[in-house]
Amino acid sequence: MIKPSLVIFDCDGVLVDTERAANTSLAERLKLLGLDISYETCRRRFVGRSLKSVQAEVETELGRSLGTDWDVKIEREEIDVFRHTTEAIAGVVAQVKKLRDDGIPHCVASSGRIEKMHATLGSAGLLPLLKDVLFSATMVENGKPAPDLFLHAAKEMGHVPETCIVIEDSLPGVQAGMAAGMRVLGYAGDPLTDRTALEGAGAIIFDDMGRLPELLGY
């Protein structure tokens, strides 16, 4: 594999283990709104998506508005939990430190807000390593699966898309990376990850963060 000039990490599910807590809570809240949805279905439908895009889809399905700041309220409540309970994905801290020590440019591009990333990465011990290279879907017009966020991150970091590599765990994230013209690694360490879908969308699948040096060509 040709060495990338920039490594772009997704946050939830790639750097920090938040997917179960986030989707369990989201499913419960959607049920209260009248949407009959299980944790598993919620995760399949909404993993990798911004809460703003989730809100738009749910409003269409329910035929009513959830309010202009529903997504913000939900994320703020999540943050209160994540700030104290989030752990890093196994092996990823060592890999981020290696990228730093080896002088390899890297950043984070997440559907979540900067405040949420500060909470989750802070709890997981990753914030000191990444606080200056965080990019959120709130910075662009369209979230994943649109390529906007990854293109924005690459531009701000000073790299052209074709020399970047994205590390994602969701189908919208993989689709966004491919649409941006970047190579994509699909992390499938979680048993509920749809490996087939990620691979079908163009990602190279791996399930051990210890393989990153090999996969990145460093």
N, C-alpha and C. Protein backbone atom coordinates (compact mmCIF):
# COMPACT_ATOMS: atom_id res chain seq x y z
N MET A 1 0.84 -1.19 0.00
CA MET A 1 0.00 0.00 0.00
C MET A 1 0.88 1.25 0.00
N ILE A 2 0.50 2.26 -0.82
CA ILE A 2 1.21 3.52 -0.85
C ILE A 2 0.94 4.28 0.44
N LYS A 3 1.98 4.82 1.02
CA LYS A 3 1.83 5.55 2.28
C LYS A 3 0.95 6.79 2.09
N PRO A 4 -0.02 6.98 2.95
CA PRO A 4 -0.85 8.19 2.86
C PRO A 4 -0.09 9.38 3.44
N SER A 5 -0.45 10.58 2.98
CA SER A 5 0.15 11.79 3.54
C SER A 5 -0.61 12.26 4.77
N LEU A 6 -1.88 11.83 4.90
CA LEU A 6 -2.72 12.22 6.03
C LEU A 6 -3.63 11.06 6.41
N VAL A 7 -3.69 10.76 7.70
CA VAL A 7 -4.59 9.72 8.22
C VAL A 7 -5.75 10.42 8.92
N ILE A 8 -6.97 10.13 8.47
CA ILE A 8 -8.17 10.76 9.04
C ILE A 8 -8.97 9.71 9.79
N PHE A 9 -9.09 9.88 11.10
CA PHE A 9 -9.86 8.96 11.93
C PHE A 9 -11.29 9.45 12.10
N ASP A 10 -12.25 8.53 11.98
CA ASP A 10 -13.58 8.79 12.53
C ASP A 10 -13.39 8.73 14.05
N CYS A 11 -14.39 9.20 14.81
CA CYS A 11 -14.24 9.20 16.27
C CYS A 11 -15.00 8.03 16.91
N ASP A 12 -16.32 8.09 16.93
CA ASP A 12 -17.12 7.05 17.58
C ASP A 12 -16.97 5.71 16.88
N GLY A 13 -16.58 4.70 17.64
CA GLY A 13 -16.43 3.36 17.08
C GLY A 13 -15.07 3.08 16.50
N VAL A 14 -14.26 4.12 16.31
CA VAL A 14 -12.90 3.96 15.78
C VAL A 14 -11.87 4.35 16.83
N LEU A 15 -12.07 5.51 17.44
CA LEU A 15 -11.19 5.96 18.51
C LEU A 15 -11.76 5.65 19.89
N VAL A 16 -13.08 5.83 20.03
CA VAL A 16 -13.73 5.65 21.33
C VAL A 16 -14.93 4.72 21.22
N ASP A 17 -15.18 4.00 22.30
CA ASP A 17 -16.26 3.00 22.33
C ASP A 17 -17.53 3.63 22.87
N THR A 18 -18.33 4.22 21.98
CA THR A 18 -19.56 4.91 22.39
C THR A 18 -20.82 4.36 21.74
N GLU A 19 -20.67 3.52 20.74
CA GLU A 19 -21.82 3.14 19.92
C GLU A 19 -22.94 2.46 20.70
N ARG A 20 -22.63 1.53 21.59
CA ARG A 20 -23.69 0.84 22.32
C ARG A 20 -24.46 1.80 23.21
N ALA A 21 -23.75 2.60 23.99
CA ALA A 21 -24.42 3.53 24.89
C ALA A 21 -25.26 4.54 24.11
N ALA A 22 -24.69 5.08 23.04
CA ALA A 22 -25.38 6.11 22.26
C ALA A 22 -26.63 5.56 21.59
N ASN A 23 -26.53 4.39 20.99
CA ASN A 23 -27.67 3.85 20.25
C ASN A 23 -28.73 3.26 21.17
N THR A 24 -28.34 2.75 22.34
CA THR A 24 -29.32 2.29 23.32
C THR A 24 -30.16 3.47 23.79
N SER A 25 -29.49 4.57 24.11
CA SER A 25 -30.19 5.77 24.56
C SER A 25 -31.07 6.35 23.45
N LEU A 26 -30.54 6.39 22.22
CA LEU A 26 -31.30 6.94 21.11
C LEU A 26 -32.55 6.11 20.83
N ALA A 27 -32.41 4.79 20.85
CA ALA A 27 -33.57 3.92 20.61
C ALA A 27 -34.65 4.15 21.65
N GLU A 28 -34.26 4.30 22.90
CA GLU A 28 -35.24 4.54 23.96
C GLU A 28 -35.96 5.87 23.75
N ARG A 29 -35.24 6.89 23.34
CA ARG A 29 -35.85 8.19 23.12
C ARG A 29 -36.78 8.19 21.91
N LEU A 30 -36.40 7.45 20.87
CA LEU A 30 -37.25 7.38 19.69
C LEU A 30 -38.54 6.61 19.97
N LYS A 31 -38.45 5.61 20.84
CA LYS A 31 -39.66 4.87 21.23
C LYS A 31 -40.64 5.79 21.95
N LEU A 32 -40.12 6.67 22.79
CA LEU A 32 -40.98 7.62 23.51
C LEU A 32 -41.67 8.58 22.55
N LEU A 33 -41.05 8.81 21.40
CA LEU A 33 -41.63 9.69 20.39
C LEU A 33 -42.66 8.98 19.53
N GLY A 34 -42.74 7.64 19.68
CA GLY A 34 -43.69 6.86 18.90
C GLY A 34 -43.11 6.05 17.78
N LEU A 35 -41.79 5.98 17.71
CA LEU A 35 -41.13 5.18 16.67
C LEU A 35 -40.72 3.85 17.27
N ASP A 36 -41.29 2.77 16.79
CA ASP A 36 -41.00 1.44 17.32
C ASP A 36 -39.69 0.94 16.72
N ILE A 37 -38.63 1.00 17.49
CA ILE A 37 -37.30 0.67 16.98
C ILE A 37 -36.47 0.00 18.06
N SER A 38 -35.75 -1.05 17.70
CA SER A 38 -34.88 -1.75 18.64
C SER A 38 -33.49 -1.14 18.61
N TYR A 39 -32.67 -1.50 19.59
CA TYR A 39 -31.28 -1.05 19.61
C TYR A 39 -30.56 -1.47 18.34
N GLU A 40 -30.76 -2.74 17.94
CA GLU A 40 -30.05 -3.26 16.76
C GLU A 40 -30.44 -2.50 15.50
N THR A 41 -31.75 -2.24 15.34
CA THR A 41 -32.21 -1.52 14.16
C THR A 41 -31.72 -0.08 14.19
N CYS A 42 -31.78 0.52 15.36
CA CYS A 42 -31.30 1.90 15.52
C CYS A 42 -29.84 2.00 15.12
N ARG A 43 -29.06 1.06 15.55
CA ARG A 43 -27.63 1.09 15.24
C ARG A 43 -27.38 0.91 13.74
N ARG A 44 -28.10 -0.04 13.13
CA ARG A 44 -27.92 -0.27 11.70
C ARG A 44 -28.31 0.97 10.88
N ARG A 45 -29.41 1.60 11.28
CA ARG A 45 -29.91 2.74 10.52
C ARG A 45 -29.10 4.01 10.69
N PHE A 46 -28.64 4.26 11.91
CA PHE A 46 -28.11 5.57 12.22
C PHE A 46 -26.63 5.64 12.55
N VAL A 47 -25.94 4.50 12.62
CA VAL A 47 -24.52 4.54 12.95
C VAL A 47 -23.77 5.39 11.93
N GLY A 48 -22.90 6.26 12.45
CA GLY A 48 -22.10 7.11 11.57
C GLY A 48 -22.78 8.37 11.11
N ARG A 49 -24.05 8.54 11.48
CA ARG A 49 -24.83 9.70 11.04
C ARG A 49 -24.85 10.77 12.12
N SER A 50 -24.97 12.03 11.71
CA SER A 50 -25.11 13.11 12.68
C SER A 50 -26.53 13.09 13.23
N LEU A 51 -26.69 13.61 14.46
CA LEU A 51 -28.03 13.66 15.06
C LEU A 51 -28.95 14.58 14.26
N LYS A 52 -28.40 15.55 13.60
CA LYS A 52 -29.20 16.44 12.75
C LYS A 52 -29.84 15.65 11.61
N SER A 53 -29.07 14.76 10.99
CA SER A 53 -29.62 13.95 9.90
C SER A 53 -30.59 12.90 10.43
N VAL A 54 -30.32 12.37 11.63
CA VAL A 54 -31.25 11.43 12.27
C VAL A 54 -32.58 12.12 12.51
N GLN A 55 -32.53 13.34 13.03
CA GLN A 55 -33.74 14.11 13.31
C GLN A 55 -34.57 14.30 12.05
N ALA A 56 -33.92 14.67 10.95
CA ALA A 56 -34.63 14.91 9.70
C ALA A 56 -35.35 13.64 9.23
N GLU A 57 -34.68 12.50 9.34
CA GLU A 57 -35.28 11.24 8.90
C GLU A 57 -36.44 10.83 9.80
N VAL A 58 -36.27 10.99 11.11
CA VAL A 58 -37.32 10.63 12.05
C VAL A 58 -38.54 11.54 11.88
N GLU A 59 -38.30 12.82 11.65
CA GLU A 59 -39.41 13.76 11.44
C GLU A 59 -40.22 13.38 10.21
N THR A 60 -39.54 12.96 9.16
CA THR A 60 -40.23 12.53 7.94
C THR A 60 -41.08 11.29 8.22
N GLU A 61 -40.50 10.36 8.98
CA GLU A 61 -41.22 9.12 9.28
C GLU A 61 -42.42 9.35 10.20
N LEU A 62 -42.27 10.24 11.17
CA LEU A 62 -43.35 10.51 12.12
C LEU A 62 -44.35 11.54 11.59
N GLY A 63 -43.92 12.32 10.61
CA GLY A 63 -44.80 13.33 10.06
C GLY A 63 -44.99 14.55 10.93
N ARG A 64 -43.98 14.83 11.77
CA ARG A 64 -44.06 16.02 12.62
C ARG A 64 -42.66 16.48 13.01
N SER A 65 -42.58 17.72 13.45
CA SER A 65 -41.30 18.29 13.87
C SER A 65 -40.95 17.86 15.29
N LEU A 66 -39.67 17.66 15.53
CA LEU A 66 -39.19 17.35 16.88
C LEU A 66 -38.67 18.60 17.58
N GLY A 67 -38.72 19.73 16.89
CA GLY A 67 -38.22 20.98 17.48
C GLY A 67 -36.87 21.35 16.89
N THR A 68 -36.58 22.63 16.87
CA THR A 68 -35.38 23.09 16.20
C THR A 68 -34.08 22.68 16.87
N ASP A 69 -34.14 22.37 18.16
CA ASP A 69 -32.90 22.03 18.87
C ASP A 69 -32.92 20.62 19.48
N TRP A 70 -33.74 19.73 18.94
CA TRP A 70 -33.84 18.36 19.46
C TRP A 70 -32.48 17.68 19.42
N ASP A 71 -31.78 17.80 18.29
CA ASP A 71 -30.48 17.13 18.15
C ASP A 71 -29.47 17.65 19.16
N VAL A 72 -29.49 18.95 19.42
CA VAL A 72 -28.56 19.54 20.38
C VAL A 72 -28.84 19.04 21.79
N LYS A 73 -30.12 18.97 22.15
CA LYS A 73 -30.49 18.49 23.49
C LYS A 73 -30.05 17.05 23.71
N ILE A 74 -30.27 16.20 22.70
CA ILE A 74 -29.88 14.80 22.82
C ILE A 74 -28.38 14.67 22.99
N GLU A 75 -27.63 15.41 22.19
CA GLU A 75 -26.18 15.29 22.27
C GLU A 75 -25.65 15.81 23.61
N ARG A 76 -26.24 16.87 24.12
CA ARG A 76 -25.81 17.39 25.42
C ARG A 76 -26.02 16.36 26.52
N GLU A 77 -27.15 15.65 26.46
CA GLU A 77 -27.41 14.61 27.46
C GLU A 77 -26.42 13.47 27.32
N GLU A 78 -26.09 13.11 26.08
CA GLU A 78 -25.10 12.07 25.85
C GLU A 78 -23.74 12.47 26.43
N ILE A 79 -23.39 13.72 26.22
CA ILE A 79 -22.09 14.22 26.66
C ILE A 79 -21.90 14.05 28.16
N ASP A 80 -22.97 14.30 28.92
CA ASP A 80 -22.88 14.16 30.37
C ASP A 80 -22.50 12.74 30.78
N VAL A 81 -22.96 11.76 29.99
CA VAL A 81 -22.62 10.35 30.26
C VAL A 81 -21.22 10.03 29.74
N PHE A 82 -20.95 10.42 28.50
CA PHE A 82 -19.69 10.09 27.86
C PHE A 82 -18.48 10.68 28.58
N ARG A 83 -18.67 11.81 29.22
CA ARG A 83 -17.56 12.52 29.84
C ARG A 83 -16.85 11.68 30.91
N HIS A 84 -17.57 10.70 31.46
CA HIS A 84 -17.02 9.92 32.57
C HIS A 84 -16.95 8.41 32.31
N THR A 85 -17.53 7.95 31.20
CA THR A 85 -17.65 6.50 31.00
C THR A 85 -17.01 5.97 29.72
N THR A 86 -16.47 6.84 28.89
CA THR A 86 -15.99 6.40 27.58
C THR A 86 -14.57 5.84 27.64
N GLU A 87 -14.38 4.70 27.00
CA GLU A 87 -13.06 4.09 26.91
C GLU A 87 -12.56 4.11 25.47
N ALA A 88 -11.26 4.07 25.32
CA ALA A 88 -10.67 4.03 23.98
C ALA A 88 -10.86 2.65 23.36
N ILE A 89 -10.97 2.61 22.05
CA ILE A 89 -10.99 1.34 21.33
C ILE A 89 -9.66 0.62 21.59
N ALA A 90 -9.72 -0.66 21.78
CA ALA A 90 -8.52 -1.44 22.13
C ALA A 90 -7.38 -1.20 21.14
N GLY A 91 -6.24 -0.80 21.67
CA GLY A 91 -5.03 -0.65 20.88
C GLY A 91 -4.87 0.67 20.15
N VAL A 92 -5.90 1.52 20.16
CA VAL A 92 -5.82 2.71 19.32
C VAL A 92 -4.94 3.81 19.92
N VAL A 93 -4.85 3.88 21.24
CA VAL A 93 -4.02 4.93 21.85
C VAL A 93 -2.57 4.77 21.41
N ALA A 94 -2.07 3.54 21.44
CA ALA A 94 -0.70 3.28 21.02
C ALA A 94 -0.47 3.66 19.56
N GLN A 95 -1.48 3.44 18.73
CA GLN A 95 -1.34 3.74 17.30
C GLN A 95 -1.34 5.25 17.05
N VAL A 96 -2.16 5.99 17.78
CA VAL A 96 -2.16 7.44 17.62
C VAL A 96 -0.84 8.01 18.11
N LYS A 97 -0.32 7.48 19.21
CA LYS A 97 0.98 7.94 19.71
C LYS A 97 2.08 7.64 18.71
N LYS A 98 2.00 6.50 18.05
CA LYS A 98 3.02 6.14 17.05
C LYS A 98 2.98 7.12 15.88
N LEU A 99 1.78 7.47 15.42
CA LEU A 99 1.66 8.44 14.33
C LEU A 99 2.29 9.77 14.76
N ARG A 100 1.99 10.19 15.99
CA ARG A 100 2.56 11.44 16.50
C ARG A 100 4.08 11.37 16.57
N ASP A 101 4.59 10.29 17.15
CA ASP A 101 6.04 10.15 17.34
C ASP A 101 6.79 10.04 16.02
N ASP A 102 6.11 9.45 15.03
CA ASP A 102 6.74 9.28 13.72
C ASP A 102 6.53 10.49 12.81
N GLY A 103 5.81 11.50 13.31
CA GLY A 103 5.60 12.72 12.53
C GLY A 103 4.66 12.55 11.36
N ILE A 104 3.72 11.60 11.46
CA ILE A 104 2.77 11.34 10.38
C ILE A 104 1.51 12.17 10.62
N PRO A 105 1.14 13.07 9.71
CA PRO A 105 -0.03 13.92 9.90
C PRO A 105 -1.31 13.09 10.07
N HIS A 106 -2.14 13.50 11.01
CA HIS A 106 -3.39 12.79 11.27
C HIS A 106 -4.38 13.75 11.91
N CYS A 107 -5.67 13.41 11.82
CA CYS A 107 -6.71 14.24 12.40
C CYS A 107 -7.95 13.39 12.63
N VAL A 108 -8.99 14.02 13.18
CA VAL A 108 -10.26 13.35 13.44
C VAL A 108 -11.37 14.09 12.70
N ALA A 109 -12.25 13.35 12.02
CA ALA A 109 -13.39 13.95 11.32
C ALA A 109 -14.64 13.17 11.73
N SER A 110 -15.47 13.80 12.55
CA SER A 110 -16.60 13.09 13.17
C SER A 110 -17.93 13.77 12.87
N SER A 111 -19.00 12.95 12.86
CA SER A 111 -20.35 13.50 12.74
C SER A 111 -20.74 14.25 14.00
N GLY A 112 -20.09 13.96 15.12
CA GLY A 112 -20.41 14.61 16.39
C GLY A 112 -19.84 16.01 16.50
N ARG A 113 -20.38 16.77 17.42
CA ARG A 113 -19.89 18.13 17.67
C ARG A 113 -18.54 18.10 18.39
N ILE A 114 -17.84 19.22 18.31
CA ILE A 114 -16.54 19.34 18.97
C ILE A 114 -16.69 19.09 20.47
N GLU A 115 -17.74 19.61 21.08
CA GLU A 115 -17.96 19.43 22.52
C GLU A 115 -18.06 17.95 22.87
N LYS A 116 -18.73 17.19 22.02
CA LYS A 116 -18.86 15.75 22.27
C LYS A 116 -17.50 15.07 22.15
N MET A 117 -16.72 15.43 21.14
CA MET A 117 -15.40 14.83 20.98
C MET A 117 -14.50 15.15 22.16
N HIS A 118 -14.60 16.36 22.67
CA HIS A 118 -13.81 16.72 23.85
C HIS A 118 -14.17 15.82 25.02
N ALA A 119 -15.47 15.51 25.16
CA ALA A 119 -15.91 14.67 26.28
C ALA A 119 -15.45 13.23 26.11
N THR A 120 -15.67 12.66 24.93
CA THR A 120 -15.34 11.25 24.73
C THR A 120 -13.83 11.02 24.66
N LEU A 121 -13.14 11.84 23.90
CA LEU A 121 -11.69 11.69 23.79
C LEU A 121 -11.01 12.02 25.11
N GLY A 122 -11.59 12.95 25.86
CA GLY A 122 -11.04 13.29 27.17
C GLY A 122 -11.15 12.13 28.13
N SER A 123 -12.32 11.50 28.17
CA SER A 123 -12.53 10.35 29.05
C SER A 123 -11.61 9.19 28.68
N ALA A 124 -11.36 9.04 27.37
CA ALA A 124 -10.55 7.91 26.88
C ALA A 124 -9.06 8.19 26.92
N GLY A 125 -8.66 9.39 27.30
CA GLY A 125 -7.24 9.72 27.37
C GLY A 125 -6.61 10.11 26.06
N LEU A 126 -7.42 10.39 25.04
CA LEU A 126 -6.90 10.71 23.72
C LEU A 126 -6.89 12.21 23.41
N LEU A 127 -7.59 12.99 24.20
CA LEU A 127 -7.73 14.41 23.86
C LEU A 127 -6.39 15.15 23.79
N PRO A 128 -5.45 14.91 24.72
CA PRO A 128 -4.17 15.62 24.61
C PRO A 128 -3.44 15.34 23.30
N LEU A 129 -3.71 14.20 22.70
CA LEU A 129 -3.04 13.82 21.45
C LEU A 129 -3.72 14.41 20.22
N LEU A 130 -5.01 14.78 20.35
CA LEU A 130 -5.81 15.11 19.17
C LEU A 130 -6.56 16.43 19.23
N LYS A 131 -6.46 17.15 20.34
CA LYS A 131 -7.31 18.32 20.55
C LYS A 131 -7.15 19.41 19.49
N ASP A 132 -6.00 19.46 18.83
CA ASP A 132 -5.77 20.53 17.85
C ASP A 132 -6.12 20.13 16.42
N VAL A 133 -6.61 18.90 16.24
CA VAL A 133 -6.90 18.42 14.87
C VAL A 133 -8.28 17.76 14.82
N LEU A 134 -9.28 18.44 15.36
CA LEU A 134 -10.64 17.90 15.40
C LEU A 134 -11.53 18.63 14.39
N PHE A 135 -12.25 17.87 13.59
CA PHE A 135 -13.17 18.44 12.61
C PHE A 135 -14.55 17.79 12.79
N SER A 136 -15.58 18.62 12.78
CA SER A 136 -16.95 18.15 13.02
C SER A 136 -17.85 18.41 11.82
N ALA A 137 -18.88 17.57 11.68
CA ALA A 137 -19.86 17.76 10.60
C ALA A 137 -20.57 19.10 10.71
N THR A 138 -20.53 19.72 11.90
CA THR A 138 -21.15 21.04 12.06
C THR A 138 -20.39 22.11 11.28
N MET A 139 -19.20 21.78 10.81
CA MET A 139 -18.38 22.74 10.08
C MET A 139 -18.68 22.77 8.59
N VAL A 140 -19.50 21.83 8.11
CA VAL A 140 -19.78 21.72 6.68
C VAL A 140 -21.29 21.67 6.44
N GLU A 141 -21.67 21.81 5.18
CA GLU A 141 -23.10 21.85 4.85
C GLU A 141 -23.75 20.48 4.95
N ASN A 142 -23.06 19.46 4.47
CA ASN A 142 -23.64 18.12 4.43
C ASN A 142 -22.76 17.13 5.20
N GLY A 143 -23.40 16.34 6.08
CA GLY A 143 -22.67 15.32 6.82
C GLY A 143 -22.51 14.04 6.01
N LYS A 144 -21.87 13.06 6.61
CA LYS A 144 -21.72 11.76 5.97
C LYS A 144 -23.10 11.18 5.66
N PRO A 145 -23.29 10.55 4.50
CA PRO A 145 -22.30 10.00 3.56
C PRO A 145 -21.77 10.97 2.50
N ALA A 146 -22.14 12.25 2.58
CA ALA A 146 -21.54 13.23 1.67
C ALA A 146 -20.06 13.38 2.00
N PRO A 147 -19.24 13.75 1.03
CA PRO A 147 -17.79 13.83 1.25
C PRO A 147 -17.33 15.11 1.92
N ASP A 148 -18.24 16.05 2.18
CA ASP A 148 -17.88 17.40 2.61
C ASP A 148 -16.90 17.43 3.78
N LEU A 149 -17.19 16.64 4.82
CA LEU A 149 -16.38 16.70 6.04
C LEU A 149 -14.95 16.24 5.79
N PHE A 150 -14.79 15.15 5.07
CA PHE A 150 -13.43 14.65 4.81
C PHE A 150 -12.66 15.61 3.89
N LEU A 151 -13.35 16.19 2.93
CA LEU A 151 -12.69 17.16 2.04
C LEU A 151 -12.28 18.41 2.83
N HIS A 152 -13.13 18.83 3.75
CA HIS A 152 -12.83 19.99 4.59
C HIS A 152 -11.61 19.71 5.47
N ALA A 153 -11.58 18.53 6.09
CA ALA A 153 -10.46 18.17 6.97
C ALA A 153 -9.16 18.12 6.18
N ALA A 154 -9.19 17.51 5.00
CA ALA A 154 -7.98 17.41 4.18
C ALA A 154 -7.49 18.80 3.77
N LYS A 155 -8.41 19.66 3.37
CA LYS A 155 -8.02 21.02 2.96
C LYS A 155 -7.40 21.79 4.11
N GLU A 156 -8.04 21.71 5.28
CA GLU A 156 -7.53 22.44 6.44
C GLU A 156 -6.17 21.93 6.89
N MET A 157 -5.94 20.63 6.69
CA MET A 157 -4.66 20.03 7.08
C MET A 157 -3.59 20.19 5.99
N GLY A 158 -4.02 20.67 4.80
CA GLY A 158 -3.06 20.94 3.73
C GLY A 158 -2.72 19.75 2.85
N HIS A 159 -3.70 18.85 2.63
CA HIS A 159 -3.44 17.65 1.84
C HIS A 159 -4.51 17.48 0.77
N VAL A 160 -4.13 16.90 -0.36
CA VAL A 160 -5.09 16.61 -1.42
C VAL A 160 -5.77 15.28 -1.11
N PRO A 161 -7.05 15.12 -1.50
CA PRO A 161 -7.81 13.92 -1.13
C PRO A 161 -7.15 12.59 -1.51
N GLU A 162 -6.56 12.55 -2.70
CA GLU A 162 -6.04 11.27 -3.18
C GLU A 162 -4.85 10.75 -2.39
N THR A 163 -4.26 11.58 -1.54
CA THR A 163 -3.14 11.11 -0.71
C THR A 163 -3.57 10.86 0.73
N CYS A 164 -4.87 10.96 1.00
CA CYS A 164 -5.39 10.75 2.36
C CYS A 164 -5.98 9.35 2.51
N ILE A 165 -5.99 8.86 3.74
CA ILE A 165 -6.67 7.60 4.03
C ILE A 165 -7.58 7.81 5.23
N VAL A 166 -8.78 7.27 5.12
CA VAL A 166 -9.82 7.42 6.15
C VAL A 166 -9.96 6.11 6.90
N ILE A 167 -10.15 6.19 8.22
CA ILE A 167 -10.42 5.00 9.02
C ILE A 167 -11.82 5.14 9.59
N GLU A 168 -12.73 4.26 9.17
CA GLU A 168 -14.15 4.37 9.49
C GLU A 168 -14.70 3.03 9.96
N ASP A 169 -15.86 3.09 10.64
CA ASP A 169 -16.52 1.85 11.06
C ASP A 169 -17.96 1.79 10.61
N SER A 170 -18.43 2.82 9.89
CA SER A 170 -19.84 2.86 9.48
C SER A 170 -19.95 2.95 7.97
N LEU A 171 -21.09 2.49 7.44
CA LEU A 171 -21.32 2.56 6.00
C LEU A 171 -21.36 4.01 5.51
N PRO A 172 -22.09 4.93 6.17
CA PRO A 172 -22.06 6.32 5.71
C PRO A 172 -20.65 6.91 5.71
N GLY A 173 -19.84 6.52 6.69
CA GLY A 173 -18.48 7.02 6.76
C GLY A 173 -17.63 6.50 5.62
N VAL A 174 -17.75 5.22 5.32
CA VAL A 174 -17.01 4.64 4.20
C VAL A 174 -17.46 5.28 2.89
N GLN A 175 -18.75 5.46 2.73
CA GLN A 175 -19.27 6.09 1.52
C GLN A 175 -18.75 7.51 1.38
N ALA A 176 -18.67 8.23 2.49
CA ALA A 176 -18.15 9.60 2.46
C ALA A 176 -16.69 9.63 2.05
N GLY A 177 -15.90 8.71 2.60
CA GLY A 177 -14.49 8.65 2.26
C GLY A 177 -14.26 8.31 0.80
N MET A 178 -15.01 7.35 0.30
CA MET A 178 -14.88 6.97 -1.10
C MET A 178 -15.32 8.11 -2.01
N ALA A 179 -16.42 8.80 -1.64
CA ALA A 179 -16.90 9.92 -2.45
C ALA A 179 -15.91 11.07 -2.47
N ALA A 180 -15.10 11.17 -1.41
CA ALA A 180 -14.08 12.21 -1.34
C ALA A 180 -12.84 11.86 -2.17
N GLY A 181 -12.81 10.64 -2.70
CA GLY A 181 -11.66 10.21 -3.49
C GLY A 181 -10.50 9.74 -2.65
N MET A 182 -10.81 9.30 -1.43
CA MET A 182 -9.78 8.83 -0.51
C MET A 182 -9.82 7.32 -0.39
N ARG A 183 -8.72 6.73 0.04
CA ARG A 183 -8.73 5.32 0.37
C ARG A 183 -9.34 5.15 1.76
N VAL A 184 -10.01 4.03 2.00
CA VAL A 184 -10.73 3.85 3.26
C VAL A 184 -10.41 2.49 3.88
N LEU A 185 -10.08 2.52 5.17
CA LEU A 185 -9.95 1.31 5.97
C LEU A 185 -11.22 1.17 6.80
N GLY A 186 -11.82 0.00 6.79
CA GLY A 186 -13.05 -0.23 7.55
C GLY A 186 -12.76 -1.03 8.80
N TYR A 187 -12.84 -0.37 9.97
CA TYR A 187 -12.58 -1.06 11.23
C TYR A 187 -13.81 -1.85 11.64
N ALA A 188 -13.62 -3.16 11.82
CA ALA A 188 -14.75 -4.05 12.13
C ALA A 188 -14.47 -4.85 13.39
N GLY A 189 -13.92 -4.18 14.40
CA GLY A 189 -13.62 -4.86 15.65
C GLY A 189 -14.86 -5.16 16.48
N ASP A 190 -15.93 -4.43 16.25
CA ASP A 190 -17.19 -4.66 16.96
C ASP A 190 -17.97 -5.77 16.25
N PRO A 191 -18.47 -6.77 16.97
CA PRO A 191 -19.20 -7.87 16.34
C PRO A 191 -20.43 -7.43 15.56
N LEU A 192 -21.01 -6.26 15.89
CA LEU A 192 -22.20 -5.79 15.20
C LEU A 192 -21.89 -4.98 13.95
N THR A 193 -20.63 -4.75 13.68
CA THR A 193 -20.26 -4.01 12.47
C THR A 193 -20.62 -4.82 11.24
N ASP A 194 -21.21 -4.17 10.24
CA ASP A 194 -21.60 -4.84 9.00
C ASP A 194 -20.38 -4.89 8.07
N ARG A 195 -19.55 -5.88 8.28
CA ARG A 195 -18.32 -6.01 7.50
C ARG A 195 -18.60 -6.09 6.00
N THR A 196 -19.63 -6.85 5.64
CA THR A 196 -19.97 -7.04 4.23
C THR A 196 -20.32 -5.72 3.57
N ALA A 197 -21.10 -4.90 4.27
CA ALA A 197 -21.50 -3.61 3.72
C ALA A 197 -20.31 -2.68 3.56
N LEU A 198 -19.42 -2.66 4.56
CA LEU A 198 -18.25 -1.80 4.48
C LEU A 198 -17.34 -2.21 3.33
N GLU A 199 -17.14 -3.50 3.20
CA GLU A 199 -16.29 -4.01 2.11
C GLU A 199 -16.94 -3.74 0.76
N GLY A 200 -18.26 -3.92 0.70
CA GLY A 200 -18.98 -3.67 -0.55
C GLY A 200 -18.91 -2.21 -0.98
N ALA A 201 -18.77 -1.33 -0.01
CA ALA A 201 -18.68 0.10 -0.32
C ALA A 201 -17.27 0.53 -0.70
N GLY A 202 -16.32 -0.39 -0.56
CA GLY A 202 -14.96 -0.08 -1.01
C GLY A 202 -13.88 -0.06 0.05
N ALA A 203 -14.23 -0.38 1.29
CA ALA A 203 -13.25 -0.33 2.37
C ALA A 203 -12.39 -1.59 2.44
N ILE A 204 -11.17 -1.44 2.91
CA ILE A 204 -10.31 -2.56 3.25
C ILE A 204 -10.60 -2.89 4.71
N ILE A 205 -11.06 -4.09 4.99
CA ILE A 205 -11.53 -4.45 6.32
C ILE A 205 -10.39 -4.92 7.22
N PHE A 206 -10.42 -4.46 8.48
CA PHE A 206 -9.49 -4.97 9.49
C PHE A 206 -10.18 -4.92 10.84
N ASP A 207 -9.72 -5.73 11.79
CA ASP A 207 -10.39 -5.77 13.09
C ASP A 207 -9.42 -5.69 14.26
N ASP A 208 -8.19 -5.27 13.98
CA ASP A 208 -7.17 -5.16 15.03
C ASP A 208 -6.36 -3.89 14.79
N MET A 209 -6.45 -2.94 15.73
CA MET A 209 -5.73 -1.67 15.56
C MET A 209 -4.22 -1.88 15.49
N GLY A 210 -3.73 -3.01 15.97
CA GLY A 210 -2.32 -3.30 15.88
C GLY A 210 -1.83 -3.47 14.44
N ARG A 211 -2.77 -3.63 13.50
CA ARG A 211 -2.40 -3.82 12.10
C ARG A 211 -2.22 -2.48 11.36
N LEU A 212 -2.52 -1.36 12.03
CA LEU A 212 -2.48 -0.09 11.31
C LEU A 212 -1.14 0.23 10.66
N PRO A 213 0.01 0.04 11.34
CA PRO A 213 1.28 0.34 10.68
C PRO A 213 1.44 -0.41 9.34
N GLU A 214 1.05 -1.68 9.37
CA GLU A 214 1.11 -2.50 8.14
C GLU A 214 0.16 -1.96 7.08
N LEU A 215 -1.07 -1.66 7.46
CA LEU A 215 -2.08 -1.21 6.52
C LEU A 215 -1.80 0.18 5.96
N LEU A 216 -1.17 1.01 6.77
CA LEU A 216 -0.82 2.36 6.33
C LEU A 216 0.50 2.42 5.58
N GLY A 217 1.26 1.34 5.65
CA GLY A 217 2.53 1.30 4.93
C GLY A 217 3.67 1.97 5.65
N TYR A 218 3.56 2.13 6.99
CA TYR A 218 4.62 2.78 7.75
C TYR A 218 5.37 1.75 8.60
